């Protein structure tokens, strides 16, 4: 049952960020929260895709021969 935690955590963080800019209990708050959470999801996926290439460029995955 770890999936609900993974689904709720980005929305909790996005809710805090959206609360700084938009009043709660409005439709605009929900839309801003959705947009922030989708941007966070896209950033997380991009980080997972490009992390091996970046770490290789930094020399962390060098083959020792």
PDB file of N, CA and C in Angstrom:
ATOM      1  N   UNK A   1       0.815  -1.200   0.000  1.00  0.00           N
ATOM      2  CA  UNK A   1       0.000   0.000   0.000  1.00  0.00           C
ATOM      3  C   UNK A   1       0.861   1.267   0.000  1.00  0.00           C
ATOM      4  N   UNK A   2       1.977   1.259  -0.658  1.00  0.00           N
ATOM      5  CA  UNK A   2       2.855   2.427  -0.703  1.00  0.00           C
ATOM      6  C   UNK A   2       2.475   3.386  -1.825  1.00  0.00           C
ATOM      7  N   UNK A   3       1.670   2.937  -2.781  1.00  0.00           N
ATOM      8  CA  UNK A   3       1.307   3.811  -3.898  1.00  0.00           C
ATOM      9  C   UNK A   3       0.513   5.041  -3.473  1.00  0.00           C
ATOM     10  N   UNK A   4      -0.465   4.924  -2.565  1.00  0.00           N
ATOM     11  CA  UNK A   4      -1.174   6.153  -2.160  1.00  0.00           C
ATOM     12  C   UNK A   4      -0.236   7.195  -1.548  1.00  0.00           C
ATOM     13  N   UNK A   5       0.805   6.758  -0.873  1.00  0.00           N
ATOM     14  CA  UNK A   5       1.767   7.705  -0.320  1.00  0.00           C
ATOM     15  C   UNK A   5       2.515   8.419  -1.440  1.00  0.00           C
ATOM     16  N   UNK A   6       2.888   7.666  -2.472  1.00  0.00           N
ATOM     17  CA  UNK A   6       3.578   8.287  -3.596  1.00  0.00           C
ATOM     18  C   UNK A   6       2.672   9.232  -4.370  1.00  0.00           C
ATOM     19  N   UNK A   7       1.386   8.972  -4.351  1.00  0.00           N
ATOM     20  CA  UNK A   7       0.453   9.854  -5.048  1.00  0.00           C
ATOM     21  C   UNK A   7       0.122  11.087  -4.208  1.00  0.00           C
ATOM     22  N   UNK A   8       0.068  10.946  -2.901  1.00  0.00           N
ATOM     23  CA  UNK A   8      -0.315  12.064  -2.045  1.00  0.00           C
ATOM     24  C   UNK A   8       0.834  13.016  -1.738  1.00  0.00           C
ATOM     25  N   UNK A   9       2.052  12.532  -1.711  1.00  0.00           N
ATOM     26  CA  UNK A   9       3.184  13.371  -1.351  1.00  0.00           C
ATOM     27  C   UNK A   9       3.394  14.536  -2.321  1.00  0.00           C
ATOM     28  N   UNK A  10       3.388  14.312  -3.651  1.00  0.00           N
ATOM     29  CA  UNK A  10       3.518  15.477  -4.544  1.00  0.00           C
ATOM     30  C   UNK A  10       2.357  16.463  -4.410  1.00  0.00           C
ATOM     31  N   UNK A  11       1.146  15.967  -4.177  1.00  0.00           N
ATOM     32  CA  UNK A  11       0.020  16.871  -4.015  1.00  0.00           C
ATOM     33  C   UNK A  11       0.126  17.656  -2.707  1.00  0.00           C
ATOM     34  N   UNK A  12       0.684  17.058  -1.673  1.00  0.00           N
ATOM     35  CA  UNK A  12       0.871  17.779  -0.418  1.00  0.00           C
ATOM     36  C   UNK A  12       1.889  18.897  -0.590  1.00  0.00           C
ATOM     37  N   UNK A  13       2.996  18.610  -1.258  1.00  0.00           N
ATOM     38  CA  UNK A  13       4.007  19.631  -1.506  1.00  0.00           C
ATOM     39  C   UNK A  13       3.449  20.713  -2.433  1.00  0.00           C
ATOM     40  N   UNK A  14       2.749  20.295  -3.474  1.00  0.00           N
ATOM     41  CA  UNK A  14       2.146  21.265  -4.395  1.00  0.00           C
ATOM     42  C   UNK A  14       1.080  22.097  -3.695  1.00  0.00           C
ATOM     43  N   UNK A  15       0.384  21.518  -2.740  1.00  0.00           N
ATOM     44  CA  UNK A  15      -0.620  22.271  -1.989  1.00  0.00           C
ATOM     45  C   UNK A  15      -0.004  23.368  -1.145  1.00  0.00           C
ATOM     46  N   UNK A  16       1.145  23.075  -0.554  1.00  0.00           N
ATOM     47  CA  UNK A  16       1.842  24.098   0.229  1.00  0.00           C
ATOM     48  C   UNK A  16       2.306  25.233  -0.679  1.00  0.00           C
ATOM     49  N   UNK A  17       2.892  24.870  -1.825  1.00  0.00           N
ATOM     50  CA  UNK A  17       3.373  25.897  -2.751  1.00  0.00           C
ATOM     51  C   UNK A  17       2.207  26.709  -3.313  1.00  0.00           C
ATOM     52  N   UNK A  18       1.126  26.055  -3.681  1.00  0.00           N
ATOM     53  CA  UNK A  18      -0.039  26.762  -4.222  1.00  0.00           C
ATOM     54  C   UNK A  18      -0.675  27.670  -3.163  1.00  0.00           C
ATOM     55  N   UNK A  19      -0.611  27.256  -1.906  1.00  0.00           N
ATOM     56  CA  UNK A  19      -1.165  28.064  -0.820  1.00  0.00           C
ATOM     57  C   UNK A  19      -0.433  29.384  -0.641  1.00  0.00           C
ATOM     58  N   UNK A  20       0.819  29.468  -1.060  1.00  0.00           N
ATOM     59  CA  UNK A  20       1.554  30.726  -0.970  1.00  0.00           C
ATOM     60  C   UNK A  20       1.021  31.758  -1.951  1.00  0.00           C
ATOM     61  N   UNK A  21       0.478  31.313  -3.088  1.00  0.00           N
ATOM     62  CA  UNK A  21       0.134  32.231  -4.156  1.00  0.00           C
ATOM     63  C   UNK A  21      -1.362  32.423  -4.361  1.00  0.00           C
ATOM     64  N   UNK A  22      -2.167  31.430  -3.988  1.00  0.00           N
ATOM     65  CA  UNK A  22      -3.595  31.461  -4.309  1.00  0.00           C
ATOM     66  C   UNK A  22      -4.389  31.138  -3.048  1.00  0.00           C
ATOM     67  N   UNK A  23      -5.543  31.777  -2.881  1.00  0.00           N
ATOM     68  CA  UNK A  23      -6.415  31.494  -1.748  1.00  0.00           C
ATOM     69  C   UNK A  23      -6.991  30.087  -1.879  1.00  0.00           C
ATOM     70  N   UNK A  24      -7.036  29.389  -0.759  1.00  0.00           N
ATOM     71  CA  UNK A  24      -7.587  28.030  -0.767  1.00  0.00           C
ATOM     72  C   UNK A  24      -9.104  28.078  -0.954  1.00  0.00           C
ATOM     73  N   UNK A  25      -9.689  26.929  -1.214  1.00  0.00           N
ATOM     74  CA  UNK A  25     -11.132  26.766  -1.429  1.00  0.00           C
ATOM     75  C   UNK A  25     -11.641  27.507  -2.660  1.00  0.00           C
ATOM     76  N   UNK A  26     -10.806  27.640  -3.659  1.00  0.00           N
ATOM     77  CA  UNK A  26     -11.231  28.211  -4.932  1.00  0.00           C
ATOM     78  C   UNK A  26     -10.851  27.249  -6.044  1.00  0.00           C
ATOM     79  N   UNK A  27     -11.484  27.417  -7.177  1.00  0.00           N
ATOM     80  CA  UNK A  27     -11.160  26.577  -8.323  1.00  0.00           C
ATOM     81  C   UNK A  27      -9.733  26.854  -8.794  1.00  0.00           C
ATOM     82  N   UNK A  28      -9.316  28.100  -8.717  1.00  0.00           N
ATOM     83  CA  UNK A  28      -7.972  28.473  -9.147  1.00  0.00           C
ATOM     84  C   UNK A  28      -6.907  27.749  -8.310  1.00  0.00           C
ATOM     85  N   UNK A  29      -7.165  27.559  -7.010  1.00  0.00           N
ATOM     86  CA  UNK A  29      -6.232  26.832  -6.143  1.00  0.00           C
ATOM     87  C   UNK A  29      -6.040  25.402  -6.635  1.00  0.00           C
ATOM     88  N   UNK A  30      -7.130  24.750  -6.976  1.00  0.00           N
ATOM     89  CA  UNK A  30      -7.040  23.374  -7.469  1.00  0.00           C
ATOM     90  C   UNK A  30      -6.256  23.299  -8.778  1.00  0.00           C
ATOM     91  N   UNK A  31      -6.486  24.261  -9.656  1.00  0.00           N
ATOM     92  CA  UNK A  31      -5.774  24.262 -10.931  1.00  0.00           C
ATOM     93  C   UNK A  31      -4.288  24.551 -10.745  1.00  0.00           C
ATOM     94  N   UNK A  32      -3.961  25.471  -9.866  1.00  0.00           N
ATOM     95  CA  UNK A  32      -2.554  25.775  -9.598  1.00  0.00           C
ATOM     96  C   UNK A  32      -1.874  24.578  -8.951  1.00  0.00           C
ATOM     97  N   UNK A  33      -2.556  23.926  -8.025  1.00  0.00           N
ATOM     98  CA  UNK A  33      -1.997  22.744  -7.376  1.00  0.00           C
ATOM     99  C   UNK A  33      -1.761  21.628  -8.398  1.00  0.00           C
ATOM    100  N   UNK A  34      -2.690  21.438  -9.308  1.00  0.00           N
ATOM    101  CA  UNK A  34      -2.535  20.426 -10.349  1.00  0.00           C
ATOM    102  C   UNK A  34      -1.354  20.761 -11.253  1.00  0.00           C
ATOM    103  N   UNK A  35      -1.246  22.025 -11.652  1.00  0.00           N
ATOM    104  CA  UNK A  35      -0.131  22.431 -12.505  1.00  0.00           C
ATOM    105  C   UNK A  35       1.212  22.250 -11.840  1.00  0.00           C
ATOM    106  N   UNK A  36       1.313  22.602 -10.567  1.00  0.00           N
ATOM    107  CA  UNK A  36       2.579  22.439  -9.841  1.00  0.00           C
ATOM    108  C   UNK A  36       2.926  20.968  -9.695  1.00  0.00           C
ATOM    109  N   UNK A  37       1.941  20.134  -9.380  1.00  0.00           N
ATOM    110  CA  UNK A  37       2.231  18.711  -9.211  1.00  0.00           C
ATOM    111  C   UNK A  37       2.618  18.059 -10.541  1.00  0.00           C
ATOM    112  N   UNK A  38       2.019  18.491 -11.645  1.00  0.00           N
ATOM    113  CA  UNK A  38       2.414  17.955 -12.948  1.00  0.00           C
ATOM    114  C   UNK A  38       3.824  18.396 -13.323  1.00  0.00           C
ATOM    115  N   UNK A  39       4.182  19.636 -12.998  1.00  0.00           N
ATOM    116  CA  UNK A  39       5.548  20.099 -13.252  1.00  0.00           C
ATOM    117  C   UNK A  39       6.549  19.323 -12.401  1.00  0.00           C
ATOM    118  N   UNK A  40       6.181  19.029 -11.160  1.00  0.00           N
ATOM    119  CA  UNK A  40       7.061  18.237 -10.297  1.00  0.00           C
ATOM    120  C   UNK A  40       7.204  16.819 -10.832  1.00  0.00           C
ATOM    121  N   UNK A  41       6.121  16.237 -11.326  1.00  0.00           N
ATOM    122  CA  UNK A  41       6.170  14.896 -11.899  1.00  0.00           C
ATOM    123  C   UNK A  41       7.065  14.869 -13.136  1.00  0.00           C
ATOM    124  N   UNK A  42       6.927  15.876 -14.000  1.00  0.00           N
ATOM    125  CA  UNK A  42       7.766  15.943 -15.195  1.00  0.00           C
ATOM    126  C   UNK A  42       9.232  16.120 -14.829  1.00  0.00           C
ATOM    127  N   UNK A  43       9.524  16.927 -13.825  1.00  0.00           N
ATOM    128  CA  UNK A  43      10.913  17.115 -13.388  1.00  0.00           C
ATOM    129  C   UNK A  43      11.478  15.832 -12.803  1.00  0.00           C
ATOM    130  N   UNK A  44      10.672  15.089 -12.045  1.00  0.00           N
ATOM    131  CA  UNK A  44      11.134  13.835 -11.464  1.00  0.00           C
ATOM    132  C   UNK A  44      11.424  12.803 -12.553  1.00  0.00           C
ATOM    133  N   UNK A  45      10.552  12.711 -13.539  1.00  0.00           N
ATOM    134  CA  UNK A  45      10.767  11.752 -14.629  1.00  0.00           C
ATOM    135  C   UNK A  45      12.003  12.140 -15.440  1.00  0.00           C
ATOM    136  N   UNK A  46      12.168  13.428 -15.712  1.00  0.00           N
ATOM    137  CA  UNK A  46      13.357  13.879 -16.447  1.00  0.00           C
ATOM    138  C   UNK A  46      14.626  13.601 -15.652  1.00  0.00           C
ATOM    139  N   UNK A  47      14.575  13.780 -14.352  1.00  0.00           N
ATOM    140  CA  UNK A  47      15.746  13.501 -13.521  1.00  0.00           C
ATOM    141  C   UNK A  47      16.093  12.011 -13.549  1.00  0.00           C
ATOM    142  N   UNK A  48      15.090  11.158 -13.528  1.00  0.00           N
ATOM    143  CA  UNK A  48      15.355   9.723 -13.577  1.00  0.00           C
ATOM    144  C   UNK A  48      15.890   9.296 -14.946  1.00  0.00           C
ATOM    145  N   UNK A  49      15.441   9.931 -15.998  1.00  0.00           N
ATOM    146  CA  UNK A  49      15.906   9.579 -17.338  1.00  0.00           C
ATOM    147  C   UNK A  49      17.338  10.020 -17.555  1.00  0.00           C
ATOM    148  N   UNK A  50      17.648  11.244 -17.141  1.00  0.00           N
ATOM    149  CA  UNK A  50      18.955  11.812 -17.454  1.00  0.00           C
ATOM    150  C   UNK A  50      19.993  11.649 -16.348  1.00  0.00           C
ATOM    151  N   UNK A  51      19.637  11.109 -15.203  1.00  0.00           N
ATOM    152  CA  UNK A  51      20.587  10.954 -14.103  1.00  0.00           C
ATOM    153  C   UNK A  51      21.794  10.086 -14.474  1.00  0.00           C
ATOM    154  N   UNK A  52      21.629   8.930 -15.121  1.00  0.00           N
ATOM    155  CA  UNK A  52      22.822   8.146 -15.467  1.00  0.00           C
ATOM    156  C   UNK A  52      23.782   8.898 -16.388  1.00  0.00           C
ATOM    157  N   UNK A  53      23.247   9.650 -17.352  1.00  0.00           N
ATOM    158  CA  UNK A  53      24.105  10.402 -18.267  1.00  0.00           C
ATOM    159  C   UNK A  53      24.861  11.513 -17.533  1.00  0.00           C
ATOM    160  N   UNK A  54      24.173  12.202 -16.630  1.00  0.00           N
ATOM    161  CA  UNK A  54      24.813  13.285 -15.890  1.00  0.00           C
ATOM    162  C   UNK A  54      25.879  12.732 -14.951  1.00  0.00           C
ATOM    163  N   UNK A  55      25.558  11.648 -14.265  1.00  0.00           N
ATOM    164  CA  UNK A  55      26.532  11.064 -13.349  1.00  0.00           C
ATOM    165  C   UNK A  55      27.728  10.493 -14.111  1.00  0.00           C
ATOM    166  N   UNK A  56      27.493   9.973 -15.293  1.00  0.00           N
ATOM    167  CA  UNK A  56      28.588   9.475 -16.116  1.00  0.00           C
ATOM    168  C   UNK A  56      29.476  10.630 -16.565  1.00  0.00           C
ATOM    169  N   UNK A  57      28.869  11.737 -16.912  1.00  0.00           N
ATOM    170  CA  UNK A  57      29.644  12.907 -17.330  1.00  0.00           C
ATOM    171  C   UNK A  57      30.457  13.465 -16.162  1.00  0.00           C
ATOM    172  N   UNK A  58      29.936  13.330 -14.952  1.00  0.00           N
ATOM    173  CA  UNK A  58      30.679  13.797 -13.781  1.00  0.00           C
ATOM    174  C   UNK A  58      31.764  12.821 -13.355  1.00  0.00           C
ATOM    175  N   UNK A  59      31.747  11.621 -13.923  1.00  0.00           N
ATOM    176  CA  UNK A  59      32.780  10.639 -13.627  1.00  0.00           C
ATOM    177  C   UNK A  59      32.442   9.678 -12.497  1.00  0.00           C
ATOM    178  N   UNK A  60      31.201   9.587 -12.120  1.00  0.00           N
ATOM    179  CA  UNK A  60      30.823   8.700 -11.024  1.00  0.00           C
ATOM    180  C   UNK A  60      30.681   7.248 -11.478  1.00  0.00           C
ATOM    181  N   UNK A  61      30.399   7.036 -12.774  1.00  0.00           N
ATOM    182  CA  UNK A  61      30.196   5.691 -13.280  1.00  0.00           C
ATOM    183  C   UNK A  61      31.334   5.268 -14.195  1.00  0.00           C
ATOM    184  N   UNK A  62      32.530   5.707 -13.942  1.00  0.00           N
ATOM    185  CA  UNK A  62      33.661   5.352 -14.793  1.00  0.00           C
ATOM    186  C   UNK A  62      34.055   3.897 -14.585  1.00  0.00           C
ATOM    187  N   UNK A  63      34.295   3.245 -15.673  1.00  0.00           N
ATOM    188  CA  UNK A  63      34.745   1.847 -15.581  1.00  0.00           C
ATOM    189  C   UNK A  63      36.206   1.833 -15.199  1.00  0.00           C
ATOM    190  N   UNK A  64      36.514   1.033 -14.226  1.00  0.00           N
ATOM    191  CA  UNK A  64      37.904   0.937 -13.765  1.00  0.00           C
ATOM    192  C   UNK A  64      38.567  -0.235 -14.508  1.00  0.00           C
ATOM    193  N   UNK A  65      39.471   0.081 -15.396  1.00  0.00           N
ATOM    194  CA  UNK A  65      40.145  -0.974 -16.168  1.00  0.00           C
ATOM    195  C   UNK A  65      41.629  -0.968 -15.902  1.00  0.00           C
TER     196      UNK A  65
END
